[in-house]
Amino acid sequence: MTASPTTKPAAKPALKPAEDKIGALIVSPLAELGYELVRAPLYLAWGPPEAKPRLAALMQSWLGGTAGIPGVINVERGMMTQSFSDAGYRAVAALGRCAVSGEKFPEELRSVGMENYYPATLHMLSLTLLDLKFSTC
């Protein structure tokens, strides 16, 4: 069945903007951001120099109140609900800090050990980007 020209399409559910908590980067229907957020620093660091202010805002929002530990953020409350302990997640956070402020990339994260698939992939991408774009860290 096709809609007639006068029939309005069904309304989509409203998305909750997460811009206040993560630097105007993501709009999500979720109240929490975690696994879908952890890739964002890689994309922004890989981007043009103009992306640096967004990366800085994201890093502050994501890691600012957590002693630099990456994890899941409850957007509505603006707080971390779960931390990510795998080295790959910490490598993304370290790369973000390197890209924003030139912070030295930790020696213990310069090689990939036995990790689960997703954090290991993030770890390898972080190391690749470190080598290609941020070798001074």
Protein backbone atom coordinates (compact mmCIF):
# COMPACT_ATOMS: atom_id res chain seq x y z
CA MET A 1 0.00 0.00 0.00
CA THR A 2 1.39 3.41 -0.96
CA ALA A 3 0.78 6.63 0.88
CA SER A 4 -1.36 9.25 -0.81
CA PRO A 5 0.15 12.72 -1.31
CA THR A 6 -1.89 14.05 1.60
CA THR A 7 -0.91 11.30 4.05
CA LYS A 8 1.91 12.20 6.42
CA PRO A 9 4.58 9.56 7.02
CA ALA A 10 4.74 8.05 10.49
CA ALA A 11 6.72 10.16 12.93
CA LYS A 12 10.13 8.86 13.91
CA PRO A 13 10.90 8.54 17.62
CA ALA A 14 12.66 11.58 19.02
CA LEU A 15 16.39 11.26 19.52
CA LYS A 16 18.02 12.53 22.67
CA PRO A 17 20.82 14.96 21.84
CA ALA A 18 24.03 14.08 23.61
CA GLU A 19 25.83 17.22 22.53
CA ASP A 20 26.01 18.81 25.98
CA LYS A 21 27.92 15.82 27.34
CA ILE A 22 30.22 14.91 24.47
CA GLY A 23 31.15 17.98 22.51
CA ALA A 24 28.34 18.23 19.92
CA LEU A 25 29.39 14.96 18.35
CA ILE A 26 26.65 12.36 18.69
CA VAL A 27 22.87 12.23 18.75
CA SER A 28 21.71 9.00 20.28
CA PRO A 29 18.39 7.37 21.12
CA LEU A 30 20.21 5.81 24.07
CA ALA A 31 20.62 7.18 27.56
CA GLU A 32 24.11 5.65 27.72
CA LEU A 33 27.08 5.87 25.40
CA GLY A 34 29.95 3.43 25.61
CA TYR A 35 30.92 0.99 22.92
CA GLU A 36 29.55 3.29 20.22
CA LEU A 37 31.43 6.25 21.72
CA VAL A 38 34.84 4.63 22.16
CA ARG A 39 35.62 4.83 18.41
CA ALA A 40 34.92 8.58 18.19
CA PRO A 41 38.37 9.73 19.40
CA LEU A 42 39.98 7.61 16.67
CA TYR A 43 37.81 9.16 13.96
CA LEU A 44 38.44 12.69 15.19
CA ALA A 45 42.19 12.15 15.65
CA TRP A 46 42.37 10.70 12.13
CA GLY A 47 40.48 13.74 10.81
CA PRO A 48 41.71 17.15 9.74
CA PRO A 49 43.29 19.63 12.16
CA GLU A 50 39.92 21.40 12.37
CA ALA A 51 38.58 18.37 14.30
CA LYS A 52 40.95 18.97 17.24
CA PRO A 53 38.56 21.23 19.23
CA ARG A 54 35.84 18.58 18.98
CA LEU A 55 38.30 15.90 20.03
CA ALA A 56 39.38 18.02 23.00
CA ALA A 57 35.75 18.53 24.06
CA LEU A 58 35.02 14.83 23.66
CA MET A 59 38.07 13.79 25.67
CA GLN A 60 37.15 16.21 28.46
CA SER A 61 33.55 14.98 28.57
CA TRP A 62 34.45 11.30 28.27
CA LEU A 63 37.50 11.19 30.53
CA GLY A 64 37.41 14.43 32.51
CA GLY A 65 35.68 13.12 35.60
CA THR A 66 37.01 9.57 35.53
CA ALA A 67 40.74 9.94 36.19
CA GLY A 68 41.33 9.22 32.48
CA ILE A 69 39.64 5.82 32.54
CA PRO A 70 37.39 5.18 29.50
CA GLY A 71 33.94 3.70 29.98
CA VAL A 72 30.19 3.94 29.57
CA ILE A 73 28.61 7.36 30.22
CA ASN A 74 25.03 7.87 31.32
CA VAL A 75 24.19 10.91 29.20
CA GLU A 76 21.23 12.04 31.27
CA ARG A 77 23.18 12.02 34.54
CA GLY A 78 26.56 12.91 33.02
CA MET A 79 28.40 10.17 34.89
CA MET A 80 30.26 6.95 34.19
CA THR A 81 28.36 3.75 34.90
CA GLN A 82 30.95 1.18 33.79
CA SER A 83 34.68 1.33 33.08
CA PHE A 84 36.55 -0.40 30.27
CA SER A 85 39.65 -2.14 31.56
CA ASP A 86 41.04 -3.76 28.39
CA ALA A 87 44.26 -2.25 27.04
CA GLY A 88 42.64 -1.46 23.68
CA TYR A 89 40.18 0.97 25.26
CA ARG A 90 42.96 2.59 27.25
CA ALA A 91 44.99 2.89 24.02
CA VAL A 92 42.17 4.89 22.41
CA ALA A 93 42.06 7.20 25.43
CA ALA A 94 45.86 7.58 25.37
CA LEU A 95 45.80 8.35 21.66
CA GLY A 96 43.13 11.00 22.23
CA ARG A 97 45.23 12.64 24.94
CA CYS A 98 48.27 12.50 22.64
CA ALA A 99 46.34 14.13 19.78
CA VAL A 100 44.93 16.89 21.98
CA SER A 101 47.85 17.77 24.23
CA GLY A 102 50.87 15.82 22.99
CA GLU A 103 50.83 13.59 26.09
CA LYS A 104 53.30 10.71 25.81
CA PHE A 105 51.68 7.43 24.75
CA PRO A 106 52.24 4.88 27.56
CA GLU A 107 54.98 2.34 26.89
CA GLU A 108 52.84 -0.55 28.19
CA LEU A 109 50.28 0.17 25.45
CA ARG A 110 52.77 0.15 22.56
CA SER A 111 52.17 -3.53 21.80
CA VAL A 112 49.01 -5.60 21.53
CA GLY A 113 48.65 -8.58 23.83
CA MET A 114 45.92 -11.18 24.16
CA GLU A 115 42.69 -9.17 24.15
CA ASN A 116 39.15 -9.70 23.02
CA TYR A 117 38.48 -8.92 19.36
CA TYR A 118 36.95 -5.44 19.72
CA PRO A 119 39.48 -3.91 22.14
CA ALA A 120 42.33 -5.58 20.20
CA THR A 121 41.08 -3.98 16.98
CA LEU A 122 40.82 -0.58 18.66
CA HIS A 123 44.33 -1.08 20.06
CA MET A 124 45.77 -1.85 16.62
CA LEU A 125 43.99 1.15 15.07
CA SER A 126 45.35 3.37 17.85
CA LEU A 127 48.90 2.14 17.25
CA THR A 128 48.53 2.60 13.50
CA LEU A 129 47.35 6.17 13.94
CA LEU A 130 50.08 6.82 16.50
CA ASP A 131 52.67 5.72 13.93
CA LEU A 132 51.11 7.58 10.98
CA LYS A 133 50.15 10.87 12.55
CA PHE A 134 51.40 11.24 16.12
CA SER A 135 54.87 9.69 16.21
CA THR A 136 56.11 12.46 18.52
CA CYS A 137 53.99 11.04 21.33
